[in-house]
């Protein structure tokens, strides 16, 4: 028995779901990178203060 081929619905200029997902991932990655670049100086300062306070070795000394 032969299969009947149905006509395939063609897209009209729209973007495929995979392309939209890639575009959204690129946008989110760019925003995350910009936020990291913006916050980098303050993150470095916080890490330096945390290390001066003892880091992991401080334990419960500083609540």
PDB file of N, CA and C in Angstrom:
ATOM      1  N   UNK A   1       0.836  -1.183   0.000  1.00  0.00           N
ATOM      2  CA  UNK A   1       0.000   0.000   0.000  1.00  0.00           C
ATOM      3  C   UNK A   1       0.880   1.246   0.000  1.00  0.00           C
ATOM      4  N   UNK A   2       0.572   2.188  -0.828  1.00  0.00           N
ATOM      5  CA  UNK A   2       1.354   3.405  -0.970  1.00  0.00           C
ATOM      6  C   UNK A   2       0.871   4.489  -0.017  1.00  0.00           C
ATOM      7  N   UNK A   3       1.838   5.238   0.503  1.00  0.00           N
ATOM      8  CA  UNK A   3       1.470   6.375   1.350  1.00  0.00           C
ATOM      9  C   UNK A   3       1.051   7.553   0.486  1.00  0.00           C
ATOM     10  N   UNK A   4       0.111   8.273   0.986  1.00  0.00           N
ATOM     11  CA  UNK A   4      -0.333   9.470   0.278  1.00  0.00           C
ATOM     12  C   UNK A   4       0.436  10.645   0.838  1.00  0.00           C
ATOM     13  N   UNK A   5       1.102  11.389  -0.037  1.00  0.00           N
ATOM     14  CA  UNK A   5       1.863  12.561   0.407  1.00  0.00           C
ATOM     15  C   UNK A   5       0.952  13.771   0.425  1.00  0.00           C
ATOM     16  N   UNK A   6       0.907  14.368   1.574  1.00  0.00           N
ATOM     17  CA  UNK A   6       0.090  15.576   1.716  1.00  0.00           C
ATOM     18  C   UNK A   6       0.959  16.786   1.425  1.00  0.00           C
ATOM     19  N   UNK A   7       0.373  17.838   0.931  1.00  0.00           N
ATOM     20  CA  UNK A   7       1.177  19.046   0.678  1.00  0.00           C
ATOM     21  C   UNK A   7       1.693  19.638   1.992  1.00  0.00           C
ATOM     22  N   UNK A   8       2.943  20.082   1.965  1.00  0.00           N
ATOM     23  CA  UNK A   8       3.579  20.654   3.149  1.00  0.00           C
ATOM     24  C   UNK A   8       3.271  22.141   3.201  1.00  0.00           C
ATOM     25  N   UNK A   9       2.877  22.589   4.360  1.00  0.00           N
ATOM     26  CA  UNK A   9       2.600  24.018   4.534  1.00  0.00           C
ATOM     27  C   UNK A   9       3.918  24.782   4.531  1.00  0.00           C
ATOM     28  N   UNK A  10       4.031  25.762   3.698  1.00  0.00           N
ATOM     29  CA  UNK A  10       5.259  26.560   3.591  1.00  0.00           C
ATOM     30  C   UNK A  10       5.178  27.782   4.495  1.00  0.00           C
ATOM     31  N   UNK A  11       6.328  28.120   5.066  1.00  0.00           N
ATOM     32  CA  UNK A  11       6.389  29.336   5.883  1.00  0.00           C
ATOM     33  C   UNK A  11       6.472  30.552   4.969  1.00  0.00           C
ATOM     34  N   UNK A  12       5.903  31.631   5.419  1.00  0.00           N
ATOM     35  CA  UNK A  12       5.938  32.852   4.606  1.00  0.00           C
ATOM     36  C   UNK A  12       6.795  33.910   5.287  1.00  0.00           C
ATOM     37  N   UNK A  13       8.094  33.811   5.136  1.00  0.00           N
ATOM     38  CA  UNK A  13       8.987  34.849   5.631  1.00  0.00           C
ATOM     39  C   UNK A  13       9.188  34.868   7.128  1.00  0.00           C
ATOM     40  N   UNK A  14       8.610  33.944   7.855  1.00  0.00           N
ATOM     41  CA  UNK A  14       8.781  33.932   9.304  1.00  0.00           C
ATOM     42  C   UNK A  14      10.082  33.253   9.690  1.00  0.00           C
ATOM     43  N   UNK A  15      10.472  33.420  10.957  1.00  0.00           N
ATOM     44  CA  UNK A  15      11.686  32.771  11.445  1.00  0.00           C
ATOM     45  C   UNK A  15      11.318  31.430  12.049  1.00  0.00           C
ATOM     46  N   UNK A  16      12.202  30.465  11.891  1.00  0.00           N
ATOM     47  CA  UNK A  16      11.952  29.169  12.501  1.00  0.00           C
ATOM     48  C   UNK A  16      12.157  29.279  14.015  1.00  0.00           C
ATOM     49  N   UNK A  17      11.598  28.347  14.737  1.00  0.00           N
ATOM     50  CA  UNK A  17      11.717  28.363  16.189  1.00  0.00           C
ATOM     51  C   UNK A  17      13.148  28.254  16.653  1.00  0.00           C
ATOM     52  N   UNK A  18      13.949  27.488  15.911  1.00  0.00           N
ATOM     53  CA  UNK A  18      15.348  27.303  16.302  1.00  0.00           C
ATOM     54  C   UNK A  18      16.130  28.606  16.145  1.00  0.00           C
ATOM     55  N   UNK A  19      15.846  29.348  15.093  1.00  0.00           N
ATOM     56  CA  UNK A  19      16.539  30.630  14.900  1.00  0.00           C
ATOM     57  C   UNK A  19      16.136  31.635  15.972  1.00  0.00           C
ATOM     58  N   UNK A  20      14.866  31.626  16.354  1.00  0.00           N
ATOM     59  CA  UNK A  20      14.401  32.527  17.412  1.00  0.00           C
ATOM     60  C   UNK A  20      15.082  32.170  18.729  1.00  0.00           C
ATOM     61  N   UNK A  21      15.192  30.865  19.009  1.00  0.00           N
ATOM     62  CA  UNK A  21      15.842  30.421  20.238  1.00  0.00           C
ATOM     63  C   UNK A  21      17.311  30.832  20.266  1.00  0.00           C
ATOM     64  N   UNK A  22      18.002  30.700  19.140  1.00  0.00           N
ATOM     65  CA  UNK A  22      19.407  31.121  19.071  1.00  0.00           C
ATOM     66  C   UNK A  22      19.539  32.628  19.263  1.00  0.00           C
ATOM     67  N   UNK A  23      18.620  33.381  18.682  1.00  0.00           N
ATOM     68  CA  UNK A  23      18.660  34.842  18.836  1.00  0.00           C
ATOM     69  C   UNK A  23      18.417  35.242  20.290  1.00  0.00           C
ATOM     70  N   UNK A  24      17.474  34.574  20.939  1.00  0.00           N
ATOM     71  CA  UNK A  24      17.210  34.872  22.349  1.00  0.00           C
ATOM     72  C   UNK A  24      18.401  34.499  23.216  1.00  0.00           C
ATOM     73  N   UNK A  25      19.043  33.370  22.923  1.00  0.00           N
ATOM     74  CA  UNK A  25      20.219  32.955  23.691  1.00  0.00           C
ATOM     75  C   UNK A  25      21.350  33.958  23.526  1.00  0.00           C
ATOM     76  N   UNK A  26      21.542  34.451  22.303  1.00  0.00           N
ATOM     77  CA  UNK A  26      22.585  35.451  22.062  1.00  0.00           C
ATOM     78  C   UNK A  26      22.277  36.746  22.815  1.00  0.00           C
ATOM     79  N   UNK A  27      21.022  37.127  22.836  1.00  0.00           N
ATOM     80  CA  UNK A  27      20.626  38.351  23.537  1.00  0.00           C
ATOM     81  C   UNK A  27      20.840  38.214  25.042  1.00  0.00           C
ATOM     82  N   UNK A  28      20.418  37.095  25.612  1.00  0.00           N
ATOM     83  CA  UNK A  28      20.590  36.873  27.049  1.00  0.00           C
ATOM     84  C   UNK A  28      22.070  36.793  27.401  1.00  0.00           C
ATOM     85  N   UNK A  29      22.863  36.124  26.564  1.00  0.00           N
ATOM     86  CA  UNK A  29      24.306  36.049  26.803  1.00  0.00           C
ATOM     87  C   UNK A  29      24.959  37.421  26.754  1.00  0.00           C
ATOM     88  N   UNK A  30      24.542  38.240  25.811  1.00  0.00           N
ATOM     89  CA  UNK A  30      25.091  39.591  25.710  1.00  0.00           C
ATOM     90  C   UNK A  30      24.746  40.449  26.916  1.00  0.00           C
ATOM     91  N   UNK A  31      23.524  40.322  27.390  1.00  0.00           N
ATOM     92  CA  UNK A  31      23.111  41.086  28.572  1.00  0.00           C
ATOM     93  C   UNK A  31      23.884  40.619  29.802  1.00  0.00           C
ATOM     94  N   UNK A  32      24.063  39.304  29.938  1.00  0.00           N
ATOM     95  CA  UNK A  32      24.816  38.773  31.083  1.00  0.00           C
ATOM     96  C   UNK A  32      26.274  39.237  31.030  1.00  0.00           C
ATOM     97  N   UNK A  33      26.856  39.240  29.853  1.00  0.00           N
ATOM     98  CA  UNK A  33      28.238  39.699  29.712  1.00  0.00           C
ATOM     99  C   UNK A  33      28.366  41.192  30.020  1.00  0.00           C
ATOM    100  N   UNK A  34      27.406  41.985  29.569  1.00  0.00           N
ATOM    101  CA  UNK A  34      27.429  43.421  29.863  1.00  0.00           C
ATOM    102  C   UNK A  34      27.280  43.676  31.360  1.00  0.00           C
ATOM    103  N   UNK A  35      26.408  42.916  32.009  1.00  0.00           N
ATOM    104  CA  UNK A  35      26.224  43.082  33.456  1.00  0.00           C
ATOM    105  C   UNK A  35      27.488  42.698  34.215  1.00  0.00           C
ATOM    106  N   UNK A  36      28.136  41.625  33.788  1.00  0.00           N
ATOM    107  CA  UNK A  36      29.386  41.215  34.432  1.00  0.00           C
ATOM    108  C   UNK A  36      30.470  42.269  34.246  1.00  0.00           C
ATOM    109  N   UNK A  37      30.574  42.822  33.044  1.00  0.00           N
ATOM    110  CA  UNK A  37      31.571  43.870  32.790  1.00  0.00           C
ATOM    111  C   UNK A  37      31.275  45.118  33.612  1.00  0.00           C
ATOM    112  N   UNK A  38      29.993  45.428  33.790  1.00  0.00           N
ATOM    113  CA  UNK A  38      29.600  46.615  34.549  1.00  0.00           C
ATOM    114  C   UNK A  38      29.896  46.437  36.031  1.00  0.00           C
ATOM    115  N   UNK A  39      29.672  45.246  36.558  1.00  0.00           N
ATOM    116  CA  UNK A  39      29.831  44.987  37.985  1.00  0.00           C
ATOM    117  C   UNK A  39      31.233  44.509  38.364  1.00  0.00           C
ATOM    118  N   UNK A  40      32.127  44.297  37.418  1.00  0.00           N
ATOM    119  CA  UNK A  40      33.440  43.713  37.700  1.00  0.00           C
ATOM    120  C   UNK A  40      34.229  44.461  38.776  1.00  0.00           C
ATOM    121  N   UNK A  41      34.344  45.798  38.732  1.00  0.00           N
ATOM    122  CA  UNK A  41      35.128  46.486  39.772  1.00  0.00           C
ATOM    123  C   UNK A  41      34.577  46.271  41.183  1.00  0.00           C
ATOM    124  N   UNK A  42      33.259  46.323  41.332  1.00  0.00           N
ATOM    125  CA  UNK A  42      32.697  46.132  42.668  1.00  0.00           C
ATOM    126  C   UNK A  42      32.834  44.677  43.117  1.00  0.00           C
ATOM    127  N   UNK A  43      32.757  43.728  42.199  1.00  0.00           N
ATOM    128  CA  UNK A  43      32.962  42.321  42.566  1.00  0.00           C
ATOM    129  C   UNK A  43      34.395  42.088  43.050  1.00  0.00           C
ATOM    130  N   UNK A  44      35.358  42.711  42.374  1.00  0.00           N
ATOM    131  CA  UNK A  44      36.744  42.577  42.809  1.00  0.00           C
ATOM    132  C   UNK A  44      36.933  43.140  44.215  1.00  0.00           C
ATOM    133  N   UNK A  45      36.309  44.287  44.476  1.00  0.00           N
ATOM    134  CA  UNK A  45      36.412  44.908  45.795  1.00  0.00           C
ATOM    135  C   UNK A  45      35.789  44.018  46.869  1.00  0.00           C
ATOM    136  N   UNK A  46      34.642  43.437  46.573  1.00  0.00           N
ATOM    137  CA  UNK A  46      33.979  42.552  47.534  1.00  0.00           C
ATOM    138  C   UNK A  46      34.822  41.319  47.829  1.00  0.00           C
ATOM    139  N   UNK A  47      35.435  40.749  46.804  1.00  0.00           N
ATOM    140  CA  UNK A  47      36.277  39.562  47.006  1.00  0.00           C
ATOM    141  C   UNK A  47      37.488  39.920  47.858  1.00  0.00           C
ATOM    142  N   UNK A  48      38.062  41.086  47.617  1.00  0.00           N
ATOM    143  CA  UNK A  48      39.218  41.509  48.411  1.00  0.00           C
ATOM    144  C   UNK A  48      38.842  41.689  49.872  1.00  0.00           C
ATOM    145  N   UNK A  49      37.688  42.311  50.139  1.00  0.00           N
ATOM    146  CA  UNK A  49      37.234  42.475  51.516  1.00  0.00           C
ATOM    147  C   UNK A  49      36.956  41.118  52.170  1.00  0.00           C
ATOM    148  N   UNK A  50      36.345  40.217  51.434  1.00  0.00           N
ATOM    149  CA  UNK A  50      36.033  38.884  51.957  1.00  0.00           C
ATOM    150  C   UNK A  50      37.312  38.132  52.310  1.00  0.00           C
ATOM    151  N   UNK A  51      38.343  38.286  51.464  1.00  0.00           N
ATOM    152  CA  UNK A  51      39.607  37.607  51.749  1.00  0.00           C
ATOM    153  C   UNK A  51      40.312  38.229  52.947  1.00  0.00           C
ATOM    154  N   UNK A  52      40.204  39.554  53.109  1.00  0.00           N
ATOM    155  CA  UNK A  52      40.823  40.199  54.270  1.00  0.00           C
ATOM    156  C   UNK A  52      40.120  39.784  55.558  1.00  0.00           C
ATOM    157  N   UNK A  53      38.820  39.500  55.472  1.00  0.00           N
ATOM    158  CA  UNK A  53      38.063  39.087  56.650  1.00  0.00           C
ATOM    159  C   UNK A  53      38.303  37.620  56.996  1.00  0.00           C
ATOM    160  N   UNK A  54      39.014  36.900  56.160  1.00  0.00           N
ATOM    161  CA  UNK A  54      39.344  35.517  56.480  1.00  0.00           C
ATOM    162  C   UNK A  54      38.841  34.493  55.487  1.00  0.00           C
ATOM    163  N   UNK A  55      37.963  34.893  54.586  1.00  0.00           N
ATOM    164  CA  UNK A  55      37.469  33.968  53.574  1.00  0.00           C
ATOM    165  C   UNK A  55      36.741  32.789  54.195  1.00  0.00           C
ATOM    166  N   UNK A  56      37.003  31.598  53.667  1.00  0.00           N
ATOM    167  CA  UNK A  56      36.359  30.393  54.186  1.00  0.00           C
ATOM    168  C   UNK A  56      36.848  30.055  55.590  1.00  0.00           C
ATOM    169  N   UNK A  57      38.068  30.463  55.913  1.00  0.00           N
ATOM    170  CA  UNK A  57      38.644  30.115  57.226  1.00  0.00           C
ATOM    171  C   UNK A  57      37.989  30.859  58.374  1.00  0.00           C
ATOM    172  N   UNK A  58      37.305  31.958  58.069  1.00  0.00           N
ATOM    173  CA  UNK A  58      36.703  32.775  59.131  1.00  0.00           C
ATOM    174  C   UNK A  58      35.576  32.027  59.839  1.00  0.00           C
ATOM    175  N   UNK A  59      34.929  31.129  59.119  1.00  0.00           N
ATOM    176  CA  UNK A  59      33.848  30.360  59.727  1.00  0.00           C
ATOM    177  C   UNK A  59      32.712  31.245  60.200  1.00  0.00           C
ATOM    178  N   UNK A  60      32.366  31.145  61.488  1.00  0.00           N
ATOM    179  CA  UNK A  60      31.251  31.917  62.043  1.00  0.00           C
ATOM    180  C   UNK A  60      31.732  33.153  62.787  1.00  0.00           C
ATOM    181  N   UNK A  61      32.979  33.549  62.594  1.00  0.00           N
ATOM    182  CA  UNK A  61      33.523  34.683  63.334  1.00  0.00           C
ATOM    183  C   UNK A  61      32.786  35.977  63.011  1.00  0.00           C
ATOM    184  N   UNK A  62      32.427  36.169  61.708  1.00  0.00           N
ATOM    185  CA  UNK A  62      31.733  37.405  61.298  1.00  0.00           C
ATOM    186  C   UNK A  62      30.338  37.035  60.815  1.00  0.00           C
ATOM    187  N   UNK A  63      29.327  37.316  61.592  1.00  0.00           N
ATOM    188  CA  UNK A  63      27.954  36.944  61.178  1.00  0.00           C
ATOM    189  C   UNK A  63      27.427  37.816  60.046  1.00  0.00           C
TER     190      UNK A  63
END
